[in-house]
Amino acid sequence: MADATGAEFGAAVCVGRRAVLGRWADLAAALAAGSLSGCGFRLRQPARLHFASIAFTGFAPRSPLAAELRRTAAAQTRVLDDAAHAEVVLEALEDRRERSVVASTAAAQVRELTLRLRFDFRVQRPDGRELAPKVSLLLSRDLSYSEATALAKEQEEADLFRDMQGDVVEQVMRRLASITP
């Protein structure tokens, strides 16, 4: 009978410890949340533009980068087609996607590719006064390649270019947010 009460006592102590540890865990979580909110921590917000209108010039007619830049900027400011009436003009100097073979087999089969997205631009006023000097952005990604899975690799390549394009748009928007005309 002493063994039964000893087992019950051990179980009661174990339950008591869990309750105390649970309270400590709750307290630690509340302190962590309070300290993060007290220090001003916030998730990254989209860059805020400090001008009323923008025009994009110099892009190829069906540039996917231009389309995404227009869509992203339109959420915050007016996007105009006429550069003469815009407060800020982003001029694309180069918008190029490259694909180069990095490694191949002795039988001349491609094994690895490098994908590059290059975007050069400058920001100016409609009268030609420069607001930001020429900026060159170059992103690259490596892609393994197999001819047996060529269709899947084409999709992966398109996804990588789309991701790089999103990165470029974020960088351009941060640079535009730093401009005060």
Protein backbone atom coordinates (compact mmCIF):
# COMPACT_ATOMS: atom_id res chain seq x y z
CA MET A 1 0.00 0.00 0.00
CA ALA A 2 2.92 2.29 0.65
CA ASP A 3 3.99 1.76 -2.92
CA ALA A 4 0.62 2.89 -4.25
CA THR A 5 0.70 6.13 -2.27
CA GLY A 6 4.32 6.72 -3.30
CA ALA A 7 3.36 6.38 -6.97
CA GLU A 8 0.44 8.72 -6.46
CA PHE A 9 2.71 11.21 -4.69
CA GLY A 10 5.23 11.04 -7.57
CA ALA A 11 2.47 11.63 -10.12
CA ALA A 12 1.15 14.60 -8.14
CA VAL A 13 4.65 16.15 -7.97
CA CYS A 14 5.08 15.64 -11.71
CA VAL A 15 1.72 17.33 -12.42
CA GLY A 16 2.69 20.21 -10.10
CA ARG A 17 6.00 20.68 -11.91
CA ARG A 18 4.23 20.77 -15.28
CA ALA A 19 1.85 23.43 -14.04
CA VAL A 20 4.72 25.59 -12.73
CA LEU A 21 6.76 25.12 -15.91
CA GLY A 22 3.68 25.94 -18.00
CA ARG A 23 3.22 29.19 -16.09
CA TRP A 24 6.88 30.07 -16.57
CA ALA A 25 6.61 29.37 -20.30
CA ASP A 26 3.53 31.61 -20.54
CA LEU A 27 5.33 34.35 -18.63
CA ALA A 28 8.42 34.08 -20.85
CA ALA A 29 6.27 34.30 -24.01
CA ALA A 30 4.47 37.38 -22.67
CA LEU A 31 7.77 39.06 -21.79
CA ALA A 32 9.22 38.31 -25.24
CA ALA A 33 6.14 39.73 -26.98
CA GLY A 34 6.16 42.79 -24.73
CA SER A 35 9.85 43.47 -25.28
CA LEU A 36 9.51 43.21 -29.07
CA SER A 37 6.58 45.60 -29.18
CA GLY A 38 8.30 47.97 -26.74
CA CYS A 39 11.45 48.26 -28.88
CA GLY A 40 9.51 49.35 -31.97
CA PHE A 41 9.88 46.09 -33.88
CA ARG A 42 7.60 45.90 -36.92
CA LEU A 43 7.52 43.68 -39.96
CA ARG A 44 8.99 45.26 -43.08
CA GLN A 45 6.49 47.50 -44.81
CA PRO A 46 6.49 48.42 -48.50
CA ALA A 47 8.65 51.42 -49.31
CA ARG A 48 6.64 54.68 -49.31
CA LEU A 49 7.10 56.95 -52.32
CA HIS A 50 7.42 60.69 -51.71
CA PHE A 51 6.07 61.94 -55.02
CA ALA A 52 2.66 62.16 -56.66
CA SER A 53 3.36 60.71 -60.11
CA ILE A 54 5.93 58.70 -62.01
CA ALA A 55 6.55 57.73 -65.63
CA PHE A 56 8.56 54.76 -66.88
CA THR A 57 10.52 55.23 -70.12
CA GLY A 58 13.06 53.26 -72.12
CA PHE A 59 11.56 49.80 -71.61
CA ALA A 60 10.95 47.29 -74.37
CA PRO A 61 7.27 47.21 -75.48
CA ARG A 62 6.38 43.99 -73.62
CA SER A 63 8.88 44.04 -70.79
CA PRO A 64 7.63 41.94 -67.85
CA LEU A 65 9.83 44.00 -65.53
CA ALA A 66 8.15 47.22 -66.68
CA ALA A 67 4.72 45.69 -66.14
CA GLU A 68 5.56 44.63 -62.57
CA LEU A 69 7.16 48.00 -61.77
CA ARG A 70 4.05 49.81 -63.04
CA ARG A 71 1.76 47.54 -61.03
CA THR A 72 3.81 47.96 -57.85
CA ALA A 73 4.17 51.74 -58.19
CA ALA A 74 0.47 52.17 -59.03
CA ALA A 75 -0.40 50.97 -55.53
CA GLN A 76 1.17 54.13 -54.10
CA THR A 77 1.29 56.82 -56.78
CA ARG A 78 -0.09 57.69 -60.20
CA VAL A 79 1.72 56.06 -63.11
CA LEU A 80 1.65 58.25 -66.21
CA ASP A 81 2.47 57.38 -69.80
CA ASP A 82 3.56 60.95 -70.61
CA ALA A 83 6.95 61.68 -69.02
CA ALA A 84 6.50 65.45 -69.51
CA HIS A 85 3.67 65.58 -66.95
CA ALA A 86 5.17 63.26 -64.34
CA GLU A 87 6.94 64.47 -61.24
CA VAL A 88 9.59 61.72 -61.50
CA VAL A 89 10.80 59.77 -64.56
CA LEU A 90 12.47 56.37 -64.26
CA GLU A 91 14.45 55.75 -67.43
CA ALA A 92 15.45 52.16 -68.16
CA LEU A 93 18.89 52.07 -69.73
CA GLU A 94 19.15 48.29 -69.93
CA ASP A 95 16.68 45.50 -69.18
CA ARG A 96 18.20 42.19 -70.17
CA ARG A 97 17.84 38.52 -69.33
CA GLU A 98 20.76 36.23 -70.07
CA ARG A 99 21.23 32.49 -70.02
CA SER A 100 24.71 30.97 -70.32
CA VAL A 101 26.06 27.44 -70.18
CA VAL A 102 28.46 26.94 -67.27
CA ALA A 103 29.12 23.20 -67.42
CA SER A 104 28.68 20.50 -70.03
CA THR A 105 29.62 16.85 -70.42
CA ALA A 106 32.16 15.38 -72.84
CA ALA A 107 29.21 14.56 -75.11
CA ALA A 108 28.32 18.29 -75.20
CA GLN A 109 25.24 17.88 -73.02
CA VAL A 110 24.43 20.87 -70.86
CA ARG A 111 24.65 20.18 -67.12
CA GLU A 112 24.51 23.64 -65.53
CA LEU A 113 23.28 27.08 -66.55
CA THR A 114 23.65 30.55 -65.11
CA LEU A 115 20.69 32.89 -65.38
CA ARG A 116 21.28 36.64 -65.14
CA LEU A 117 18.90 39.55 -64.92
CA ARG A 118 20.47 42.95 -65.52
CA PHE A 119 18.64 46.23 -65.01
CA ASP A 120 20.29 49.63 -65.36
CA PHE A 121 18.26 52.77 -64.74
CA ARG A 122 18.39 56.38 -63.65
CA VAL A 123 15.82 58.65 -62.09
CA GLN A 124 15.32 62.21 -63.22
CA ARG A 125 12.81 65.02 -63.45
CA PRO A 126 10.99 65.68 -66.73
CA ASP A 127 13.30 68.66 -67.38
CA GLY A 128 16.32 66.32 -67.30
CA ARG A 129 17.64 67.19 -63.84
CA GLU A 130 19.03 64.03 -62.28
CA LEU A 131 17.47 62.84 -59.01
CA ALA A 132 19.48 59.62 -58.78
CA PRO A 133 22.55 58.63 -60.78
CA LYS A 134 22.74 55.53 -62.92
CA VAL A 135 22.14 52.36 -60.92
CA SER A 136 23.11 48.89 -62.15
CA LEU A 137 21.40 45.85 -60.67
CA LEU A 138 22.66 42.41 -61.62
CA LEU A 139 21.17 39.23 -60.19
CA SER A 140 22.26 35.73 -61.09
CA ARG A 141 21.13 32.23 -60.24
CA ASP A 142 22.60 28.82 -61.03
CA LEU A 143 20.39 26.12 -62.50
CA SER A 144 21.28 22.46 -62.91
CA TYR A 145 20.03 21.05 -66.19
CA SER A 146 19.03 17.65 -67.46
CA GLU A 147 17.74 16.95 -70.95
CA ALA A 148 15.56 14.17 -69.54
CA THR A 149 13.57 16.78 -67.61
CA ALA A 150 13.78 19.64 -70.10
CA LEU A 151 10.17 20.82 -69.69
CA ALA A 152 10.44 20.94 -65.91
CA LYS A 153 13.74 22.80 -66.16
CA GLU A 154 12.15 25.38 -68.48
CA GLN A 155 9.47 25.98 -65.85
CA GLU A 156 12.11 26.22 -63.13
CA GLU A 157 14.02 28.73 -65.27
CA ALA A 158 10.88 30.84 -65.71
CA ASP A 159 10.25 30.70 -61.94
CA LEU A 160 13.83 31.79 -61.19
CA PHE A 161 13.55 34.73 -63.61
CA ARG A 162 10.23 35.71 -62.01
CA ASP A 163 11.80 35.59 -58.52
CA MET A 164 14.78 37.67 -59.67
CA GLN A 165 12.39 40.15 -61.26
CA GLY A 166 10.52 40.48 -57.96
CA ASP A 167 13.82 41.14 -56.16
CA VAL A 168 14.74 43.83 -58.70
CA VAL A 169 11.33 45.51 -58.30
CA GLU A 170 11.75 45.58 -54.50
CA GLN A 171 15.23 47.12 -54.83
CA VAL A 172 14.01 49.73 -57.32
CA MET A 173 11.07 50.65 -55.08
CA ARG A 174 13.40 51.09 -52.08
CA ARG A 175 15.62 53.36 -54.17
CA LEU A 176 12.60 55.35 -55.38
CA ALA A 177 11.41 55.72 -51.78
CA SER A 178 14.69 57.43 -50.89
CA ILE A 179 14.09 60.14 -53.51
CA THR A 180 12.45 63.40 -52.53
CA PRO A 181 11.89 65.57 -55.62
